[in-house]
Amino acid sequence: MTRMALIARLRAKPGRRDELLDVLGEGLSAAEDEPGTLVYLMHADDADDDVVWFYELYTHAAAFEEHRTSERMRGMKPLLGELLAGPVDLVKGHLVGGSVSAEMWAEPE
């Protein structure tokens, strides 16, 4: 089965990225409990103070649909509606290779 990859770009309303990060951050640990969610990483954009990026990797497209339609995600929609400047930009693909160092999970010095 093909692993589904996703890059999501979220633009907060001007000056509200920290609030958006807080709301989104509350859901990070819940992704660990989703059986088909392999990677769920949130990033703050260095060049644009209103943008948040996600890199997500799922066992298959159905796992993404389960994530997208989960109770947690449905519960976040009203809050996201208040914080987002527009629709989420999604780029979908599939994993063809790569490498992840164990240092990724080490605390920065």
N, C-alpha and C. Protein backbone atom coordinates (compact mmCIF):
# COMPACT_ATOMS: atom_id res chain seq x y z
N MET A 1 0.84 -1.18 0.00
CA MET A 1 0.00 0.00 0.00
C MET A 1 0.89 1.25 0.00
N THR A 2 0.49 2.28 -0.73
CA THR A 2 1.27 3.51 -0.85
C THR A 2 1.05 4.41 0.36
N ARG A 3 2.16 4.89 0.93
CA ARG A 3 2.08 5.83 2.05
C ARG A 3 1.75 7.22 1.50
N MET A 4 0.75 7.85 2.07
CA MET A 4 0.31 9.17 1.62
C MET A 4 1.04 10.26 2.40
N ALA A 5 1.62 11.20 1.66
CA ALA A 5 2.30 12.34 2.27
C ALA A 5 1.47 13.60 2.01
N LEU A 6 1.56 14.53 2.93
CA LEU A 6 0.78 15.75 2.83
C LEU A 6 1.59 16.90 3.40
N ILE A 7 1.59 18.01 2.68
CA ILE A 7 2.13 19.26 3.20
C ILE A 7 0.96 20.24 3.25
N ALA A 8 0.74 20.82 4.41
CA ALA A 8 -0.37 21.76 4.59
C ALA A 8 0.19 23.12 5.00
N ARG A 9 -0.34 24.16 4.37
CA ARG A 9 0.05 25.54 4.69
C ARG A 9 -1.18 26.25 5.23
N LEU A 10 -1.05 26.76 6.45
CA LEU A 10 -2.14 27.47 7.10
C LEU A 10 -1.71 28.91 7.33
N ARG A 11 -2.53 29.86 6.91
CA ARG A 11 -2.23 31.27 7.13
C ARG A 11 -3.17 31.81 8.20
N ALA A 12 -2.57 32.26 9.30
CA ALA A 12 -3.36 32.87 10.37
C ALA A 12 -3.76 34.29 9.98
N LYS A 13 -4.82 34.77 10.58
CA LYS A 13 -5.15 36.18 10.43
C LYS A 13 -3.96 36.97 10.98
N PRO A 14 -3.71 38.17 10.46
CA PRO A 14 -2.53 38.93 10.87
C PRO A 14 -2.38 39.01 12.39
N GLY A 15 -1.17 38.64 12.85
CA GLY A 15 -0.84 38.73 14.27
C GLY A 15 -1.41 37.63 15.14
N ARG A 16 -2.03 36.60 14.55
CA ARG A 16 -2.69 35.57 15.37
C ARG A 16 -2.04 34.20 15.25
N ARG A 17 -0.82 34.15 14.71
CA ARG A 17 -0.17 32.85 14.54
C ARG A 17 0.07 32.15 15.87
N ASP A 18 0.48 32.86 16.90
CA ASP A 18 0.72 32.21 18.19
C ASP A 18 -0.54 31.55 18.73
N GLU A 19 -1.69 32.20 18.56
CA GLU A 19 -2.95 31.59 18.97
C GLU A 19 -3.23 30.33 18.14
N LEU A 20 -2.95 30.42 16.84
CA LEU A 20 -3.15 29.27 15.97
C LEU A 20 -2.24 28.12 16.39
N LEU A 21 -0.98 28.43 16.69
CA LEU A 21 -0.05 27.39 17.14
C LEU A 21 -0.53 26.73 18.43
N ASP A 22 -1.08 27.52 19.34
CA ASP A 22 -1.60 26.97 20.59
C ASP A 22 -2.75 25.99 20.33
N VAL A 23 -3.69 26.39 19.49
CA VAL A 23 -4.85 25.53 19.18
C VAL A 23 -4.38 24.26 18.49
N LEU A 24 -3.53 24.42 17.48
CA LEU A 24 -3.04 23.25 16.75
C LEU A 24 -2.17 22.36 17.63
N GLY A 25 -1.39 22.98 18.51
CA GLY A 25 -0.51 22.22 19.39
C GLY A 25 -1.26 21.30 20.33
N GLU A 26 -2.47 21.69 20.70
CA GLU A 26 -3.28 20.84 21.59
C GLU A 26 -3.61 19.50 20.94
N GLY A 27 -3.60 19.46 19.61
CA GLY A 27 -3.95 18.23 18.92
C GLY A 27 -2.78 17.36 18.53
N LEU A 28 -1.55 17.82 18.77
CA LEU A 28 -0.39 17.05 18.34
C LEU A 28 -0.32 15.68 19.00
N SER A 29 -0.55 15.63 20.30
CA SER A 29 -0.45 14.33 20.98
C SER A 29 -1.57 13.39 20.55
N ALA A 30 -2.72 13.94 20.17
CA ALA A 30 -3.83 13.09 19.72
C ALA A 30 -3.46 12.35 18.44
N ALA A 31 -2.63 12.96 17.60
CA ALA A 31 -2.21 12.31 16.35
C ALA A 31 -1.43 11.03 16.64
N GLU A 32 -0.74 10.98 17.78
CA GLU A 32 0.00 9.77 18.16
C GLU A 32 -0.92 8.57 18.35
N ASP A 33 -2.17 8.83 18.68
CA ASP A 33 -3.14 7.76 18.92
C ASP A 33 -3.89 7.33 17.67
N GLU A 34 -3.64 8.01 16.55
CA GLU A 34 -4.29 7.63 15.30
C GLU A 34 -3.45 6.54 14.64
N PRO A 35 -3.98 5.33 14.51
CA PRO A 35 -3.17 4.21 14.04
C PRO A 35 -2.53 4.40 12.67
N GLY A 36 -3.15 5.14 11.77
CA GLY A 36 -2.58 5.31 10.44
C GLY A 36 -1.72 6.54 10.27
N THR A 37 -1.56 7.34 11.34
CA THR A 37 -0.74 8.55 11.26
C THR A 37 0.68 8.20 11.66
N LEU A 38 1.61 8.29 10.70
CA LEU A 38 3.01 7.94 10.95
C LEU A 38 3.84 9.13 11.37
N VAL A 39 3.62 10.29 10.72
CA VAL A 39 4.37 11.51 11.00
C VAL A 39 3.38 12.67 10.99
N TYR A 40 3.49 13.55 11.99
CA TYR A 40 2.60 14.70 12.09
C TYR A 40 3.41 15.83 12.72
N LEU A 41 4.04 16.64 11.89
CA LEU A 41 4.99 17.65 12.36
C LEU A 41 4.49 19.06 12.03
N MET A 42 4.52 19.94 13.02
CA MET A 42 4.08 21.33 12.85
C MET A 42 5.31 22.23 12.83
N HIS A 43 5.31 23.21 11.91
CA HIS A 43 6.44 24.13 11.74
C HIS A 43 5.94 25.57 11.67
N ALA A 44 6.68 26.49 12.26
CA ALA A 44 6.42 27.92 12.10
C ALA A 44 7.30 28.42 10.96
N ASP A 45 6.73 29.17 10.05
CA ASP A 45 7.46 29.71 8.90
C ASP A 45 8.40 30.82 9.38
N ASP A 46 9.66 30.76 8.97
CA ASP A 46 10.63 31.78 9.37
C ASP A 46 10.49 33.07 8.57
N ALA A 47 9.94 32.99 7.36
CA ALA A 47 9.85 34.16 6.49
C ALA A 47 8.51 34.89 6.59
N ASP A 48 7.50 34.23 7.11
CA ASP A 48 6.16 34.82 7.18
C ASP A 48 5.58 34.55 8.56
N ASP A 49 5.42 35.60 9.34
CA ASP A 49 4.98 35.48 10.73
C ASP A 49 3.54 35.01 10.90
N ASP A 50 2.81 34.85 9.80
CA ASP A 50 1.43 34.41 9.91
C ASP A 50 1.21 32.98 9.41
N VAL A 51 2.29 32.29 9.01
CA VAL A 51 2.15 30.98 8.36
C VAL A 51 2.65 29.85 9.25
N VAL A 52 1.88 28.75 9.22
CA VAL A 52 2.22 27.49 9.88
C VAL A 52 2.20 26.40 8.81
N TRP A 53 3.19 25.51 8.86
CA TRP A 53 3.28 24.38 7.93
C TRP A 53 3.12 23.08 8.70
N PHE A 54 2.54 22.10 8.06
CA PHE A 54 2.51 20.73 8.58
C PHE A 54 3.10 19.80 7.54
N TYR A 55 3.88 18.83 8.01
CA TYR A 55 4.26 17.70 7.18
C TYR A 55 3.61 16.49 7.83
N GLU A 56 2.85 15.74 7.03
CA GLU A 56 2.11 14.60 7.55
C GLU A 56 2.37 13.39 6.66
N LEU A 57 2.46 12.23 7.28
CA LEU A 57 2.64 10.98 6.54
C LEU A 57 1.69 9.95 7.12
N TYR A 58 0.93 9.32 6.23
CA TYR A 58 -0.09 8.35 6.62
C TYR A 58 0.18 7.01 5.96
N THR A 59 -0.30 5.94 6.58
CA THR A 59 -0.11 4.60 6.01
C THR A 59 -0.79 4.48 4.66
N HIS A 60 -1.89 5.20 4.46
CA HIS A 60 -2.63 5.19 3.20
C HIS A 60 -3.65 6.33 3.23
N ALA A 61 -4.29 6.60 2.10
CA ALA A 61 -5.22 7.72 2.00
C ALA A 61 -6.39 7.59 2.97
N ALA A 62 -6.85 6.38 3.23
CA ALA A 62 -7.96 6.20 4.17
C ALA A 62 -7.58 6.66 5.58
N ALA A 63 -6.32 6.50 5.95
CA ALA A 63 -5.87 6.95 7.28
C ALA A 63 -5.94 8.47 7.37
N PHE A 64 -5.61 9.17 6.27
CA PHE A 64 -5.75 10.62 6.25
C PHE A 64 -7.22 11.01 6.40
N GLU A 65 -8.10 10.33 5.72
CA GLU A 65 -9.53 10.62 5.83
C GLU A 65 -10.01 10.41 7.26
N GLU A 66 -9.52 9.37 7.92
CA GLU A 66 -9.89 9.14 9.32
C GLU A 66 -9.40 10.29 10.19
N HIS A 67 -8.18 10.77 9.93
CA HIS A 67 -7.63 11.91 10.67
C HIS A 67 -8.48 13.15 10.41
N ARG A 68 -8.73 13.42 9.14
CA ARG A 68 -9.43 14.64 8.72
C ARG A 68 -10.85 14.70 9.29
N THR A 69 -11.49 13.56 9.42
CA THR A 69 -12.89 13.53 9.88
C THR A 69 -13.02 13.12 11.35
N SER A 70 -11.90 13.08 12.06
CA SER A 70 -11.93 12.66 13.47
C SER A 70 -12.71 13.67 14.32
N GLU A 71 -13.16 13.21 15.45
CA GLU A 71 -13.89 14.07 16.38
C GLU A 71 -13.03 15.27 16.79
N ARG A 72 -11.75 15.04 17.00
CA ARG A 72 -10.84 16.14 17.39
C ARG A 72 -10.79 17.21 16.31
N MET A 73 -10.65 16.78 15.05
CA MET A 73 -10.57 17.75 13.96
C MET A 73 -11.89 18.49 13.78
N ARG A 74 -13.00 17.78 13.90
CA ARG A 74 -14.31 18.44 13.80
C ARG A 74 -14.48 19.46 14.92
N GLY A 75 -13.99 19.14 16.11
CA GLY A 75 -14.09 20.05 17.24
C GLY A 75 -13.23 21.30 17.09
N MET A 76 -12.15 21.20 16.32
CA MET A 76 -11.25 22.33 16.13
C MET A 76 -11.76 23.32 15.08
N LYS A 77 -12.64 22.89 14.20
CA LYS A 77 -13.07 23.73 13.07
C LYS A 77 -13.58 25.11 13.49
N PRO A 78 -14.42 25.24 14.52
CA PRO A 78 -14.87 26.58 14.89
C PRO A 78 -13.71 27.49 15.32
N LEU A 79 -12.77 26.95 16.08
CA LEU A 79 -11.61 27.74 16.51
C LEU A 79 -10.75 28.12 15.33
N LEU A 80 -10.52 27.17 14.43
CA LEU A 80 -9.71 27.46 13.25
C LEU A 80 -10.38 28.50 12.38
N GLY A 81 -11.69 28.45 12.28
CA GLY A 81 -12.42 29.44 11.49
C GLY A 81 -12.19 30.85 11.99
N GLU A 82 -12.00 31.01 13.29
CA GLU A 82 -11.74 32.33 13.87
C GLU A 82 -10.31 32.78 13.63
N LEU A 83 -9.39 31.84 13.47
CA LEU A 83 -7.97 32.17 13.42
C LEU A 83 -7.37 32.18 12.02
N LEU A 84 -7.95 31.44 11.09
CA LEU A 84 -7.37 31.33 9.75
C LEU A 84 -7.82 32.47 8.85
N ALA A 85 -6.88 32.94 8.01
CA ALA A 85 -7.17 34.02 7.07
C ALA A 85 -7.84 33.50 5.81
N GLY A 86 -7.80 32.20 5.59
CA GLY A 86 -8.39 31.61 4.39
C GLY A 86 -8.30 30.11 4.46
N PRO A 87 -8.62 29.45 3.34
CA PRO A 87 -8.58 27.98 3.34
C PRO A 87 -7.15 27.45 3.49
N VAL A 88 -7.05 26.23 3.98
CA VAL A 88 -5.76 25.55 4.12
C VAL A 88 -5.31 25.09 2.74
N ASP A 89 -4.04 25.37 2.40
CA ASP A 89 -3.46 24.89 1.14
C ASP A 89 -2.87 23.51 1.39
N LEU A 90 -3.30 22.52 0.60
CA LEU A 90 -2.81 21.15 0.75
C LEU A 90 -2.08 20.71 -0.51
N VAL A 91 -0.94 20.06 -0.31
CA VAL A 91 -0.21 19.40 -1.40
C VAL A 91 -0.12 17.94 -1.01
N LYS A 92 -0.70 17.07 -1.84
CA LYS A 92 -0.70 15.63 -1.54
C LYS A 92 0.28 14.92 -2.46
N GLY A 93 0.91 13.89 -1.92
CA GLY A 93 1.84 13.08 -2.69
C GLY A 93 1.95 11.71 -2.04
N HIS A 94 2.99 10.99 -2.42
CA HIS A 94 3.24 9.69 -1.78
C HIS A 94 4.73 9.53 -1.57
N LEU A 95 5.06 8.80 -0.53
CA LEU A 95 6.45 8.59 -0.13
C LEU A 95 7.16 7.70 -1.14
N VAL A 96 8.34 8.15 -1.59
CA VAL A 96 9.15 7.33 -2.49
C VAL A 96 10.51 7.00 -1.90
N GLY A 97 10.87 7.60 -0.75
CA GLY A 97 12.15 7.31 -0.10
C GLY A 97 12.50 8.41 0.87
N GLY A 98 13.63 8.24 1.56
CA GLY A 98 14.08 9.27 2.48
C GLY A 98 14.83 8.69 3.66
N SER A 99 15.17 9.58 4.58
CA SER A 99 15.92 9.19 5.76
C SER A 99 15.54 10.12 6.90
N VAL A 100 15.49 9.59 8.11
CA VAL A 100 15.24 10.39 9.30
C VAL A 100 16.30 10.02 10.33
N SER A 101 17.06 11.00 10.77
CA SER A 101 18.10 10.78 11.77
C SER A 101 17.48 10.69 13.16
N ALA A 102 18.06 9.89 14.01
CA ALA A 102 17.62 9.80 15.41
C ALA A 102 17.78 11.15 16.10
N GLU A 103 18.68 11.99 15.59
CA GLU A 103 18.89 13.32 16.18
C GLU A 103 17.66 14.20 16.06
N MET A 104 16.77 13.85 15.15
CA MET A 104 15.55 14.64 14.98
C MET A 104 14.80 14.77 16.29
N TRP A 105 14.82 13.74 17.10
CA TRP A 105 14.05 13.72 18.33
C TRP A 105 14.86 14.18 19.54
N ALA A 106 16.15 14.48 19.37
CA ALA A 106 16.99 14.95 20.47
C ALA A 106 16.68 16.42 20.77
N GLU A 107 16.80 16.80 22.01
CA GLU A 107 16.60 18.19 22.40
C GLU A 107 17.74 19.04 21.84
N PRO A 108 17.43 20.22 21.27
CA PRO A 108 18.49 21.10 20.77
C PRO A 108 19.35 21.61 21.93
N GLU A 109 20.61 21.81 21.63
CA GLU A 109 21.53 22.31 22.67
C GLU A 109 21.50 23.81 22.75
